[in-house]
Amino acid sequence: METTQQLSGQRGFAIIFVLAQTYNLVHHSVGDGLRSWMRENRSAPLAVTIQDKLDNQGFLTSKELNPFICHAIKDAINRKPEQAGIMIDGFPRNIEQLDSWSFWPFADELPFSGGPNVDAKPDIVISLRVSKQNAKARYSARARDSNDNNEKFERRFAEYEVETLPVEDTYRQRGILIDVDVNGTKEENISEMKRKLSESELWQRIMVQGRTDTESQFLNL
């Protein structure tokens, strides 16, 4: 599932927690995973690149990012083999990242049913929709460090409109994107999410009827 705009910690976590618990999903936040790796590898050249992207603007390339995602998928499979699916939170953010999954990028380490040339699109993408005003308020409230300010928010939001909206449009055209309005309270957002998923034929087919399948489902949040 893909988060199109950032939620404050409590509201975003609440939605993800409910999804994971209700549907037996393993959740991996790409951003949190990168930050955790950086705390242990601050002197690594890639850590400097990541910090620059976090502090300023831009995205990691798929070459830089895919190894982290591969590790997360392997960890999810090994840690919870009975899981019904894996949520990848915060990926892809731009067309370059999306295109890197035109074919399964981890064929050597994680052989995929159907071979290396299988289309590696996610089964479902969920876009959590929030207004710019609410996104800005939540961004300010959750500020992780002193660099999180209004100027940085404006840069990030402009980046989202230019880089990430085309990703959403691509998934929408493929018929695998579910939009969920999350402008309300935590309780309202969870209720809206449940309503949209219960009404989605795609969600019912993949996550409810498809639970008897032997392969895990891949979702982008």
N, C-alpha and C. Protein backbone atom coordinates (compact mmCIF):
# COMPACT_ATOMS: atom_id res chain seq x y z
N MET A 1 0.84 -1.17 0.00
CA MET A 1 0.00 0.00 0.00
C MET A 1 0.88 1.23 0.00
N GLU A 2 0.43 2.24 -0.58
CA GLU A 2 1.27 3.43 -0.66
C GLU A 2 0.62 4.62 0.01
N THR A 3 1.35 5.23 0.94
CA THR A 3 0.86 6.44 1.58
C THR A 3 1.19 7.62 0.69
N THR A 4 0.18 8.34 0.22
CA THR A 4 0.45 9.43 -0.69
C THR A 4 0.88 10.69 0.05
N GLN A 5 0.41 10.86 1.26
CA GLN A 5 0.82 12.00 2.06
C GLN A 5 0.99 11.53 3.50
N GLN A 6 1.89 12.19 4.22
CA GLN A 6 2.24 11.69 5.53
C GLN A 6 1.15 11.98 6.55
N LEU A 7 0.91 10.99 7.41
CA LEU A 7 -0.01 11.15 8.51
C LEU A 7 0.78 11.41 9.78
N SER A 8 0.11 12.00 10.78
CA SER A 8 0.77 12.11 12.06
C SER A 8 0.94 10.72 12.63
N GLY A 9 1.87 10.56 13.58
CA GLY A 9 2.22 9.25 14.08
C GLY A 9 1.05 8.43 14.56
N GLN A 10 0.20 8.99 15.44
CA GLN A 10 -0.88 8.22 16.02
C GLN A 10 -1.91 7.80 14.98
N ARG A 11 -2.29 8.71 14.09
CA ARG A 11 -3.32 8.38 13.13
C ARG A 11 -2.80 7.38 12.09
N GLY A 12 -1.58 7.64 11.60
CA GLY A 12 -1.02 6.73 10.62
C GLY A 12 -0.78 5.36 11.20
N PHE A 13 -0.23 5.31 12.42
CA PHE A 13 0.03 4.02 13.06
C PHE A 13 -1.26 3.26 13.31
N ALA A 14 -2.30 3.98 13.72
CA ALA A 14 -3.57 3.33 14.03
C ALA A 14 -4.13 2.61 12.81
N ILE A 15 -4.11 3.27 11.65
CA ILE A 15 -4.62 2.65 10.44
C ILE A 15 -3.79 1.43 10.05
N ILE A 16 -2.47 1.57 10.09
CA ILE A 16 -1.59 0.47 9.72
C ILE A 16 -1.74 -0.69 10.69
N PHE A 17 -1.84 -0.37 12.00
CA PHE A 17 -2.00 -1.42 13.01
C PHE A 17 -3.27 -2.21 12.77
N VAL A 18 -4.37 -1.52 12.50
CA VAL A 18 -5.64 -2.19 12.26
C VAL A 18 -5.56 -3.07 11.01
N LEU A 19 -4.96 -2.56 9.95
CA LEU A 19 -4.79 -3.36 8.74
C LEU A 19 -3.99 -4.63 9.01
N ALA A 20 -2.86 -4.46 9.69
CA ALA A 20 -1.98 -5.59 9.95
C ALA A 20 -2.65 -6.64 10.82
N GLN A 21 -3.32 -6.19 11.88
CA GLN A 21 -3.95 -7.11 12.80
C GLN A 21 -5.17 -7.79 12.19
N THR A 22 -5.98 -7.05 11.47
CA THR A 22 -7.21 -7.60 10.93
C THR A 22 -6.95 -8.61 9.82
N TYR A 23 -5.94 -8.31 8.99
CA TYR A 23 -5.74 -9.14 7.80
C TYR A 23 -4.45 -9.95 7.85
N ASN A 24 -3.82 -10.03 9.02
CA ASN A 24 -2.62 -10.85 9.20
C ASN A 24 -1.52 -10.46 8.23
N LEU A 25 -1.19 -9.16 8.23
CA LEU A 25 -0.19 -8.62 7.32
C LEU A 25 1.07 -8.23 8.07
N VAL A 26 2.20 -8.39 7.43
CA VAL A 26 3.47 -7.87 7.96
C VAL A 26 3.68 -6.48 7.39
N HIS A 27 3.97 -5.52 8.25
CA HIS A 27 4.14 -4.14 7.82
C HIS A 27 5.62 -3.76 7.80
N HIS A 28 6.06 -3.15 6.70
CA HIS A 28 7.42 -2.61 6.63
C HIS A 28 7.36 -1.17 6.15
N SER A 29 7.81 -0.24 7.00
CA SER A 29 7.92 1.16 6.63
C SER A 29 9.30 1.39 6.04
N VAL A 30 9.34 1.79 4.77
CA VAL A 30 10.62 2.03 4.11
C VAL A 30 11.39 3.14 4.83
N GLY A 31 10.70 4.22 5.19
CA GLY A 31 11.35 5.33 5.86
C GLY A 31 11.91 4.95 7.21
N ASP A 32 11.12 4.24 8.01
CA ASP A 32 11.59 3.81 9.34
C ASP A 32 12.75 2.83 9.21
N GLY A 33 12.67 1.96 8.20
CA GLY A 33 13.76 1.01 8.00
C GLY A 33 15.07 1.71 7.66
N LEU A 34 14.99 2.74 6.82
CA LEU A 34 16.18 3.50 6.45
C LEU A 34 16.76 4.23 7.68
N ARG A 35 15.90 4.83 8.47
CA ARG A 35 16.37 5.55 9.66
C ARG A 35 17.04 4.60 10.65
N SER A 36 16.49 3.41 10.81
CA SER A 36 17.08 2.43 11.71
C SER A 36 18.46 2.01 11.22
N TRP A 37 18.57 1.78 9.91
CA TRP A 37 19.86 1.40 9.33
C TRP A 37 20.88 2.52 9.51
N MET A 38 20.44 3.76 9.34
CA MET A 38 21.34 4.90 9.44
C MET A 38 21.90 5.07 10.85
N ARG A 39 21.10 4.76 11.86
CA ARG A 39 21.58 4.89 13.24
C ARG A 39 22.76 3.98 13.50
N GLU A 40 22.84 2.87 12.77
CA GLU A 40 23.91 1.91 12.97
C GLU A 40 25.03 2.05 11.94
N ASN A 41 24.83 2.90 10.93
CA ASN A 41 25.81 3.03 9.85
C ASN A 41 26.03 4.48 9.46
N ARG A 42 26.17 5.35 10.42
CA ARG A 42 26.23 6.78 10.15
C ARG A 42 27.42 7.19 9.30
N SER A 43 28.49 6.44 9.36
CA SER A 43 29.69 6.83 8.61
C SER A 43 29.69 6.28 7.18
N ALA A 44 28.72 5.45 6.85
CA ALA A 44 28.67 4.86 5.51
C ALA A 44 28.31 5.93 4.48
N PRO A 45 28.92 5.89 3.28
CA PRO A 45 28.60 6.88 2.24
C PRO A 45 27.11 6.95 1.92
N LEU A 46 26.44 5.78 1.91
CA LEU A 46 25.02 5.78 1.60
C LEU A 46 24.22 6.50 2.68
N ALA A 47 24.66 6.43 3.93
CA ALA A 47 23.98 7.13 5.02
C ALA A 47 24.00 8.64 4.80
N VAL A 48 25.11 9.14 4.29
CA VAL A 48 25.22 10.57 3.99
C VAL A 48 24.22 10.95 2.89
N THR A 49 24.12 10.10 1.88
CA THR A 49 23.17 10.35 0.78
C THR A 49 21.74 10.34 1.28
N ILE A 50 21.41 9.35 2.12
CA ILE A 50 20.05 9.25 2.65
C ILE A 50 19.71 10.47 3.48
N GLN A 51 20.64 10.89 4.35
CA GLN A 51 20.37 12.04 5.21
C GLN A 51 20.16 13.30 4.38
N ASP A 52 20.94 13.44 3.32
CA ASP A 52 20.78 14.60 2.45
C ASP A 52 19.40 14.62 1.81
N LYS A 53 18.93 13.44 1.39
CA LYS A 53 17.60 13.36 0.78
C LYS A 53 16.51 13.65 1.82
N LEU A 54 16.70 13.18 3.04
CA LEU A 54 15.73 13.43 4.10
C LEU A 54 15.68 14.90 4.48
N ASP A 55 16.86 15.53 4.53
CA ASP A 55 16.94 16.92 4.96
C ASP A 55 16.53 17.90 3.88
N ASN A 56 16.73 17.54 2.65
CA ASN A 56 16.50 18.48 1.55
C ASN A 56 15.38 18.01 0.63
N GLN A 57 15.74 17.40 -0.45
CA GLN A 57 14.72 17.03 -1.43
C GLN A 57 15.26 15.94 -2.33
N GLY A 58 14.35 15.15 -2.86
CA GLY A 58 14.77 14.11 -3.79
C GLY A 58 14.50 12.72 -3.24
N PHE A 59 14.74 11.72 -4.09
CA PHE A 59 14.47 10.34 -3.73
C PHE A 59 15.73 9.51 -3.95
N LEU A 60 15.83 8.45 -3.18
CA LEU A 60 16.86 7.46 -3.46
C LEU A 60 16.50 6.75 -4.76
N THR A 61 17.52 6.32 -5.49
CA THR A 61 17.27 5.55 -6.70
C THR A 61 16.87 4.14 -6.32
N SER A 62 16.29 3.43 -7.26
CA SER A 62 15.91 2.04 -6.99
C SER A 62 17.15 1.19 -6.68
N LYS A 63 18.28 1.51 -7.31
CA LYS A 63 19.51 0.76 -7.03
C LYS A 63 19.92 0.91 -5.57
N GLU A 64 19.70 2.09 -5.00
CA GLU A 64 20.04 2.34 -3.60
C GLU A 64 18.99 1.75 -2.66
N LEU A 65 17.75 1.77 -3.08
CA LEU A 65 16.65 1.44 -2.18
C LEU A 65 16.23 -0.03 -2.21
N ASN A 66 16.28 -0.67 -3.36
CA ASN A 66 15.78 -2.03 -3.49
C ASN A 66 16.44 -3.04 -2.56
N PRO A 67 17.75 -2.94 -2.26
CA PRO A 67 18.33 -3.90 -1.31
C PRO A 67 17.68 -3.85 0.07
N PHE A 68 17.27 -2.68 0.52
CA PHE A 68 16.57 -2.57 1.80
C PHE A 68 15.21 -3.26 1.74
N ILE A 69 14.53 -3.08 0.62
CA ILE A 69 13.21 -3.69 0.48
C ILE A 69 13.33 -5.21 0.37
N CYS A 70 14.33 -5.67 -0.35
CA CYS A 70 14.56 -7.11 -0.46
C CYS A 70 14.80 -7.72 0.92
N HIS A 71 15.62 -7.06 1.73
CA HIS A 71 15.89 -7.54 3.09
C HIS A 71 14.61 -7.57 3.91
N ALA A 72 13.78 -6.55 3.77
CA ALA A 72 12.54 -6.49 4.54
C ALA A 72 11.59 -7.62 4.15
N ILE A 73 11.50 -7.91 2.85
CA ILE A 73 10.64 -8.99 2.39
C ILE A 73 11.13 -10.34 2.89
N LYS A 74 12.44 -10.57 2.81
CA LYS A 74 13.00 -11.82 3.32
C LYS A 74 12.76 -11.97 4.81
N ASP A 75 12.95 -10.87 5.54
CA ASP A 75 12.74 -10.89 6.99
C ASP A 75 11.28 -11.21 7.31
N ALA A 76 10.36 -10.61 6.55
CA ALA A 76 8.94 -10.85 6.79
C ALA A 76 8.58 -12.31 6.53
N ILE A 77 9.12 -12.87 5.47
CA ILE A 77 8.83 -14.27 5.14
C ILE A 77 9.38 -15.20 6.20
N ASN A 78 10.61 -14.92 6.67
CA ASN A 78 11.24 -15.79 7.67
C ASN A 78 10.63 -15.61 9.06
N ARG A 79 10.24 -14.38 9.38
CA ARG A 79 9.74 -14.09 10.72
C ARG A 79 8.30 -14.53 10.90
N LYS A 80 7.52 -14.44 9.84
CA LYS A 80 6.10 -14.76 9.95
C LYS A 80 5.63 -15.46 8.68
N PRO A 81 6.06 -16.72 8.51
CA PRO A 81 5.76 -17.41 7.25
C PRO A 81 4.27 -17.62 7.00
N GLU A 82 3.45 -17.56 8.06
CA GLU A 82 2.02 -17.79 7.90
C GLU A 82 1.26 -16.52 7.53
N GLN A 83 1.98 -15.41 7.39
CA GLN A 83 1.32 -14.14 7.07
C GLN A 83 0.59 -14.19 5.74
N ALA A 84 -0.48 -13.38 5.67
CA ALA A 84 -1.31 -13.36 4.47
C ALA A 84 -0.80 -12.38 3.43
N GLY A 85 0.11 -11.50 3.82
CA GLY A 85 0.63 -10.52 2.88
C GLY A 85 1.65 -9.62 3.54
N ILE A 86 2.31 -8.82 2.72
CA ILE A 86 3.33 -7.90 3.20
C ILE A 86 2.96 -6.49 2.74
N MET A 87 2.88 -5.55 3.68
CA MET A 87 2.63 -4.15 3.35
C MET A 87 3.96 -3.42 3.24
N ILE A 88 4.23 -2.83 2.10
CA ILE A 88 5.42 -2.00 1.93
C ILE A 88 4.96 -0.55 1.97
N ASP A 89 5.32 0.13 3.04
CA ASP A 89 4.80 1.46 3.35
C ASP A 89 5.78 2.53 2.85
N GLY A 90 5.35 3.32 1.85
CA GLY A 90 6.18 4.43 1.38
C GLY A 90 7.00 4.12 0.15
N PHE A 91 6.54 3.19 -0.68
CA PHE A 91 7.27 2.83 -1.90
C PHE A 91 6.27 2.29 -2.91
N PRO A 92 6.43 2.65 -4.19
CA PRO A 92 7.40 3.59 -4.77
C PRO A 92 6.91 5.03 -4.64
N ARG A 93 7.86 5.96 -4.64
CA ARG A 93 7.55 7.37 -4.52
C ARG A 93 7.67 8.12 -5.84
N ASN A 94 8.31 7.51 -6.83
CA ASN A 94 8.41 8.17 -8.13
C ASN A 94 8.42 7.12 -9.23
N ILE A 95 8.38 7.58 -10.48
CA ILE A 95 8.26 6.66 -11.61
C ILE A 95 9.50 5.78 -11.75
N GLU A 96 10.68 6.32 -11.46
CA GLU A 96 11.89 5.51 -11.57
C GLU A 96 11.83 4.31 -10.63
N GLN A 97 11.38 4.54 -9.40
CA GLN A 97 11.25 3.44 -8.45
C GLN A 97 10.18 2.46 -8.92
N LEU A 98 9.08 2.97 -9.44
CA LEU A 98 8.03 2.10 -9.94
C LEU A 98 8.52 1.24 -11.09
N ASP A 99 9.24 1.86 -12.03
CA ASP A 99 9.72 1.13 -13.20
C ASP A 99 10.71 0.04 -12.84
N SER A 100 11.42 0.21 -11.71
CA SER A 100 12.41 -0.80 -11.31
C SER A 100 11.74 -2.12 -10.94
N TRP A 101 10.41 -2.07 -10.74
CA TRP A 101 9.66 -3.28 -10.43
C TRP A 101 8.85 -3.77 -11.62
N SER A 102 9.21 -3.34 -12.82
CA SER A 102 8.53 -3.86 -14.00
C SER A 102 8.73 -5.37 -14.09
N PHE A 103 9.89 -5.81 -13.63
CA PHE A 103 10.17 -7.23 -13.46
C PHE A 103 10.64 -7.44 -12.04
N TRP A 104 10.44 -8.64 -11.53
CA TRP A 104 10.81 -8.94 -10.14
C TRP A 104 12.31 -8.69 -9.95
N PRO A 105 12.69 -7.72 -9.09
CA PRO A 105 14.09 -7.30 -9.01
C PRO A 105 14.97 -8.18 -8.12
N PHE A 106 14.37 -9.18 -7.46
CA PHE A 106 15.13 -9.98 -6.50
C PHE A 106 15.16 -11.46 -6.90
N ALA A 107 15.24 -11.70 -8.21
CA ALA A 107 15.13 -13.08 -8.70
C ALA A 107 16.21 -14.00 -8.13
N ASP A 108 17.42 -13.46 -7.89
CA ASP A 108 18.50 -14.30 -7.39
C ASP A 108 18.31 -14.68 -5.92
N GLU A 109 17.87 -13.73 -5.11
CA GLU A 109 17.73 -13.97 -3.68
C GLU A 109 16.35 -14.49 -3.28
N LEU A 110 15.33 -14.06 -4.00
CA LEU A 110 13.96 -14.46 -3.70
C LEU A 110 13.27 -14.90 -4.99
N PRO A 111 13.52 -16.12 -5.43
CA PRO A 111 12.87 -16.59 -6.66
C PRO A 111 11.36 -16.46 -6.55
N PHE A 112 10.76 -15.92 -7.62
CA PHE A 112 9.33 -15.62 -7.62
C PHE A 112 8.63 -16.62 -8.52
N SER A 113 7.45 -17.07 -8.09
CA SER A 113 6.68 -17.97 -8.91
C SER A 113 6.42 -17.34 -10.27
N GLY A 114 6.76 -18.03 -11.32
CA GLY A 114 6.59 -17.50 -12.67
C GLY A 114 7.90 -17.05 -13.28
N GLY A 115 8.99 -17.07 -12.49
CA GLY A 115 10.30 -16.73 -13.02
C GLY A 115 10.65 -15.27 -12.86
N PRO A 116 11.88 -14.88 -13.23
CA PRO A 116 12.36 -13.52 -13.00
C PRO A 116 11.66 -12.45 -13.83
N ASN A 117 10.99 -12.84 -14.90
CA ASN A 117 10.36 -11.85 -15.77
C ASN A 117 8.90 -11.56 -15.41
N VAL A 118 8.45 -12.11 -14.28
CA VAL A 118 7.08 -11.88 -13.86
C VAL A 118 6.88 -10.40 -13.52
N ASP A 119 5.70 -9.87 -13.81
CA ASP A 119 5.37 -8.50 -13.46
C ASP A 119 5.28 -8.40 -11.95
N ALA A 120 6.11 -7.55 -11.35
CA ALA A 120 6.20 -7.46 -9.90
C ALA A 120 5.31 -6.38 -9.31
N LYS A 121 4.25 -6.03 -9.99
CA LYS A 121 3.35 -5.02 -9.45
C LYS A 121 2.72 -5.54 -8.16
N PRO A 122 2.39 -4.63 -7.24
CA PRO A 122 1.69 -5.07 -6.03
C PRO A 122 0.28 -5.53 -6.37
N ASP A 123 -0.29 -6.35 -5.50
CA ASP A 123 -1.66 -6.79 -5.71
C ASP A 123 -2.64 -5.65 -5.48
N ILE A 124 -2.34 -4.82 -4.47
CA ILE A 124 -3.22 -3.71 -4.10
C ILE A 124 -2.36 -2.52 -3.69
N VAL A 125 -2.79 -1.31 -4.05
CA VAL A 125 -2.17 -0.08 -3.58
C VAL A 125 -3.25 0.74 -2.87
N ILE A 126 -2.97 1.18 -1.65
CA ILE A 126 -3.90 2.04 -0.93
C ILE A 126 -3.30 3.43 -0.81
N SER A 127 -4.05 4.42 -1.25
CA SER A 127 -3.62 5.80 -1.16
C SER A 127 -4.41 6.48 -0.04
N LEU A 128 -3.69 6.91 0.99
CA LEU A 128 -4.31 7.60 2.12
C LEU A 128 -4.36 9.09 1.79
N ARG A 129 -5.55 9.59 1.51
CA ARG A 129 -5.71 10.95 1.01
C ARG A 129 -5.97 11.93 2.15
N VAL A 130 -5.18 12.99 2.17
CA VAL A 130 -5.34 14.03 3.18
C VAL A 130 -5.10 15.39 2.52
N SER A 131 -5.84 16.39 2.95
CA SER A 131 -5.69 17.73 2.37
C SER A 131 -4.31 18.30 2.72
N LYS A 132 -3.88 19.28 1.92
CA LYS A 132 -2.59 19.92 2.19
C LYS A 132 -2.60 20.56 3.57
N GLN A 133 -3.69 21.19 3.93
CA GLN A 133 -3.78 21.86 5.24
C GLN A 133 -3.60 20.86 6.37
N ASN A 134 -4.30 19.73 6.30
CA ASN A 134 -4.18 18.73 7.36
C ASN A 134 -2.82 18.05 7.33
N ALA A 135 -2.29 17.83 6.12
CA ALA A 135 -0.97 17.22 6.01
C ALA A 135 0.08 18.11 6.68
N LYS A 136 -0.03 19.42 6.47
CA LYS A 136 0.92 20.36 7.05
C LYS A 136 0.82 20.38 8.57
N ALA A 137 -0.41 20.37 9.08
CA ALA A 137 -0.61 20.38 10.53
C ALA A 137 -0.04 19.12 11.16
N ARG A 138 -0.26 17.98 10.52
CA ARG A 138 0.23 16.71 11.06
C ARG A 138 1.74 16.61 10.95
N TYR A 139 2.28 17.12 9.86
CA TYR A 139 3.73 17.14 9.68
C TYR A 139 4.39 17.96 10.79
N SER A 140 3.82 19.12 11.09
CA SER A 140 4.39 19.98 12.13
C SER A 140 4.28 19.32 13.50
N ALA A 141 3.17 18.63 13.74
CA ALA A 141 2.95 18.00 15.04
C ALA A 141 3.89 16.82 15.28
N ARG A 142 4.24 16.11 14.22
CA ARG A 142 5.06 14.92 14.39
C ARG A 142 6.56 15.20 14.22
N ALA A 143 6.96 16.46 13.99
CA ALA A 143 8.34 16.84 13.65
C ALA A 143 9.36 15.95 14.35
N ARG A 144 10.15 15.24 13.53
CA ARG A 144 11.13 14.30 14.08
C ARG A 144 12.39 14.99 14.54
N ASP A 145 12.74 16.12 13.90
CA ASP A 145 13.95 16.82 14.28
C ASP A 145 13.80 18.30 13.94
N SER A 146 14.84 19.06 14.24
CA SER A 146 14.78 20.51 14.06
C SER A 146 14.70 20.92 12.59
N ASN A 147 15.00 20.00 11.68
CA ASN A 147 14.94 20.32 10.25
C ASN A 147 13.53 20.24 9.69
N ASP A 148 12.60 19.69 10.48
CA ASP A 148 11.21 19.59 10.02
C ASP A 148 10.52 20.93 10.24
N ASN A 149 10.42 21.75 9.19
CA ASN A 149 9.82 23.07 9.30
C ASN A 149 8.91 23.32 8.11
N ASN A 150 8.27 24.48 8.10
CA ASN A 150 7.32 24.80 7.04
C ASN A 150 7.95 24.81 5.66
N GLU A 151 9.18 25.34 5.57
CA GLU A 151 9.87 25.38 4.27
C GLU A 151 10.10 23.97 3.73
N LYS A 152 10.52 23.08 4.61
CA LYS A 152 10.76 21.71 4.18
C LYS A 152 9.46 21.03 3.78
N PHE A 153 8.39 21.31 4.53
CA PHE A 153 7.10 20.73 4.16
C PHE A 153 6.68 21.16 2.76
N GLU A 154 6.82 22.46 2.46
CA GLU A 154 6.41 22.96 1.15
C GLU A 154 7.21 22.29 0.04
N ARG A 155 8.52 22.09 0.27
CA ARG A 155 9.34 21.41 -0.73
C ARG A 155 8.86 19.97 -0.92
N ARG A 156 8.61 19.30 0.19
CA ARG A 156 8.17 17.92 0.12
C ARG A 156 6.81 17.78 -0.55
N PHE A 157 5.91 18.70 -0.24
CA PHE A 157 4.57 18.61 -0.83
C PHE A 157 4.63 18.86 -2.33
N ALA A 158 5.44 19.84 -2.75
CA ALA A 158 5.62 20.09 -4.18
C ALA A 158 6.23 18.87 -4.86
N GLU A 159 7.16 18.23 -4.18
CA GLU A 159 7.79 17.02 -4.69
C GLU A 159 6.77 15.91 -4.86
N TYR A 160 5.89 15.79 -3.87
CA TYR A 160 4.82 14.79 -3.94
C TYR A 160 3.93 15.02 -5.16
N GLU A 161 3.55 16.27 -5.39
CA GLU A 161 2.66 16.57 -6.51
C GLU A 161 3.30 16.26 -7.85
N VAL A 162 4.60 16.53 -7.97
CA VAL A 162 5.30 16.32 -9.24
C VAL A 162 5.70 14.86 -9.43
N GLU A 163 6.20 14.23 -8.37
CA GLU A 163 6.82 12.91 -8.50
C GLU A 163 5.89 11.75 -8.14
N THR A 164 5.08 11.91 -7.09
CA THR A 164 4.32 10.76 -6.58
C THR A 164 2.93 10.65 -7.18
N LEU A 165 2.30 11.77 -7.50
CA LEU A 165 0.98 11.69 -8.12
C LEU A 165 0.98 10.86 -9.41
N PRO A 166 2.02 10.98 -10.27
CA PRO A 166 2.04 10.12 -11.46
C PRO A 166 2.11 8.62 -11.12
N VAL A 167 2.73 8.29 -10.00
CA VAL A 167 2.76 6.89 -9.57
C VAL A 167 1.35 6.43 -9.21
N GLU A 168 0.64 7.27 -8.45
CA GLU A 168 -0.75 6.94 -8.11
C GLU A 168 -1.59 6.79 -9.37
N ASP A 169 -1.43 7.71 -10.30
CA ASP A 169 -2.22 7.66 -11.54
C ASP A 169 -1.94 6.37 -12.30
N THR A 170 -0.69 5.94 -12.30
CA THR A 170 -0.34 4.69 -12.99
C THR A 170 -1.06 3.51 -12.36
N TYR A 171 -1.02 3.43 -11.04
CA TYR A 171 -1.70 2.33 -10.35
C TYR A 171 -3.22 2.43 -10.48
N ARG A 172 -3.73 3.66 -10.52
CA ARG A 172 -5.17 3.85 -10.69
C ARG A 172 -5.60 3.34 -12.07
N GLN A 173 -4.81 3.64 -13.08
CA GLN A 173 -5.12 3.17 -14.44
C GLN A 173 -5.05 1.65 -14.54
N ARG A 174 -4.19 1.05 -13.72
CA ARG A 174 -4.10 -0.41 -13.71
C ARG A 174 -5.24 -1.07 -12.94
N GLY A 175 -6.01 -0.25 -12.23
CA GLY A 175 -7.16 -0.79 -11.51
C GLY A 175 -6.82 -1.44 -10.19
N ILE A 176 -5.67 -1.08 -9.58
CA ILE A 176 -5.29 -1.72 -8.33
C ILE A 176 -5.15 -0.72 -7.18
N LEU A 177 -5.62 0.52 -7.37
CA LEU A 177 -5.49 1.53 -6.33
C LEU A 177 -6.83 1.78 -5.65
N ILE A 178 -6.78 1.84 -4.31
CA ILE A 178 -7.95 2.16 -3.49
C ILE A 178 -7.65 3.47 -2.76
N ASP A 179 -8.47 4.49 -2.97
CA ASP A 179 -8.32 5.77 -2.28
C ASP A 179 -9.10 5.75 -0.97
N VAL A 180 -8.45 6.21 0.11
CA VAL A 180 -9.12 6.29 1.41
C VAL A 180 -8.92 7.69 1.96
N ASP A 181 -10.02 8.39 2.25
CA ASP A 181 -9.96 9.73 2.83
C ASP A 181 -9.62 9.62 4.32
N VAL A 182 -8.53 10.28 4.74
CA VAL A 182 -8.10 10.21 6.14
C VAL A 182 -7.96 11.61 6.72
N ASN A 183 -8.91 12.47 6.42
CA ASN A 183 -8.90 13.83 6.94
C ASN A 183 -9.60 13.95 8.29
N GLY A 184 -10.15 12.85 8.80
CA GLY A 184 -10.90 12.90 10.03
C GLY A 184 -10.08 12.57 11.26
N THR A 185 -10.78 12.22 12.33
CA THR A 185 -10.11 11.78 13.54
C THR A 185 -9.59 10.37 13.34
N LYS A 186 -8.82 9.88 14.32
CA LYS A 186 -8.29 8.52 14.22
C LYS A 186 -9.43 7.52 14.05
N GLU A 187 -10.47 7.66 14.85
CA GLU A 187 -11.60 6.72 14.79
C GLU A 187 -12.32 6.83 13.46
N GLU A 188 -12.52 8.07 12.98
CA GLU A 188 -13.20 8.27 11.71
C GLU A 188 -12.39 7.68 10.56
N ASN A 189 -11.09 7.84 10.61
CA ASN A 189 -10.23 7.33 9.54
C ASN A 189 -10.25 5.81 9.49
N ILE A 190 -10.20 5.17 10.65
CA ILE A 190 -10.25 3.71 10.70
C ILE A 190 -11.59 3.21 10.16
N SER A 191 -12.67 3.89 10.56
CA SER A 191 -14.00 3.51 10.08
C SER A 191 -14.11 3.67 8.57
N GLU A 192 -13.57 4.78 8.04
CA GLU A 192 -13.61 5.02 6.61
C GLU A 192 -12.78 3.98 5.86
N MET A 193 -11.63 3.64 6.40
CA MET A 193 -10.81 2.62 5.76
C MET A 193 -11.54 1.29 5.68
N LYS A 194 -12.15 0.88 6.79
CA LYS A 194 -12.88 -0.39 6.80
C LYS A 194 -14.03 -0.36 5.80
N ARG A 195 -14.71 0.77 5.71
CA ARG A 195 -15.82 0.89 4.78
C ARG A 195 -15.35 0.75 3.34
N LYS A 196 -14.28 1.47 2.98
CA LYS A 196 -13.79 1.44 1.61
C LYS A 196 -13.30 0.03 1.24
N LEU A 197 -12.64 -0.64 2.16
CA LEU A 197 -12.12 -1.97 1.86
C LEU A 197 -13.26 -2.98 1.75
N SER A 198 -14.26 -2.84 2.60
CA SER A 198 -15.39 -3.78 2.54
C SER A 198 -16.18 -3.62 1.24
N GLU A 199 -16.15 -2.40 0.68
CA GLU A 199 -16.89 -2.14 -0.57
C GLU A 199 -16.04 -2.40 -1.81
N SER A 200 -14.75 -2.65 -1.63
CA SER A 200 -13.86 -2.83 -2.77
C SER A 200 -13.86 -4.28 -3.24
N GLU A 201 -14.27 -4.47 -4.49
CA GLU A 201 -14.23 -5.81 -5.06
C GLU A 201 -12.80 -6.33 -5.13
N LEU A 202 -11.85 -5.44 -5.44
CA LEU A 202 -10.45 -5.82 -5.51
C LEU A 202 -9.96 -6.35 -4.17
N TRP A 203 -10.23 -5.61 -3.09
CA TRP A 203 -9.79 -6.03 -1.76
C TRP A 203 -10.42 -7.36 -1.37
N GLN A 204 -11.71 -7.51 -1.63
CA GLN A 204 -12.39 -8.75 -1.28
C GLN A 204 -11.81 -9.93 -2.05
N ARG A 205 -11.51 -9.70 -3.31
CA ARG A 205 -11.00 -10.80 -4.13
C ARG A 205 -9.59 -11.21 -3.73
N ILE A 206 -8.74 -10.22 -3.44
CA ILE A 206 -7.35 -10.51 -3.14
C ILE A 206 -7.15 -10.93 -1.69
N MET A 207 -7.70 -10.15 -0.77
CA MET A 207 -7.38 -10.32 0.64
C MET A 207 -8.36 -11.19 1.41
N VAL A 208 -9.57 -11.36 0.91
CA VAL A 208 -10.55 -12.19 1.61
C VAL A 208 -10.69 -13.53 0.90
N GLN A 209 -11.14 -13.51 -0.35
CA GLN A 209 -11.30 -14.75 -1.09
C GLN A 209 -9.95 -15.39 -1.40
N GLY A 210 -8.91 -14.55 -1.57
CA GLY A 210 -7.60 -15.07 -1.95
C GLY A 210 -6.77 -15.59 -0.81
N ARG A 211 -7.30 -15.60 0.40
CA ARG A 211 -6.52 -16.04 1.55
C ARG A 211 -6.15 -17.51 1.50
N THR A 212 -6.85 -18.29 0.67
CA THR A 212 -6.53 -19.69 0.58
C THR A 212 -5.37 -19.96 -0.36
N ASP A 213 -4.91 -18.93 -1.08
CA ASP A 213 -3.78 -19.11 -1.98
C ASP A 213 -2.52 -19.39 -1.18
N THR A 214 -1.55 -20.05 -1.80
CA THR A 214 -0.32 -20.41 -1.10
C THR A 214 0.67 -19.27 -1.07
N GLU A 215 0.57 -18.31 -1.98
CA GLU A 215 1.53 -17.21 -2.02
C GLU A 215 1.02 -16.01 -1.25
N SER A 216 1.94 -15.28 -0.63
CA SER A 216 1.59 -14.06 0.09
C SER A 216 1.22 -12.98 -0.91
N GLN A 217 0.41 -12.03 -0.43
CA GLN A 217 0.05 -10.89 -1.25
C GLN A 217 1.01 -9.74 -0.95
N PHE A 218 1.33 -8.96 -1.98
CA PHE A 218 2.18 -7.79 -1.81
C PHE A 218 1.33 -6.54 -1.99
N LEU A 219 1.40 -5.68 -0.97
CA LEU A 219 0.61 -4.46 -0.98
C LEU A 219 1.53 -3.28 -0.78
N ASN A 220 1.17 -2.16 -1.40
CA ASN A 220 1.89 -0.91 -1.18
C ASN A 220 0.99 0.06 -0.44
N LEU A 221 1.54 0.64 0.62
CA LEU A 221 0.81 1.63 1.40
C LEU A 221 1.48 2.98 1.27
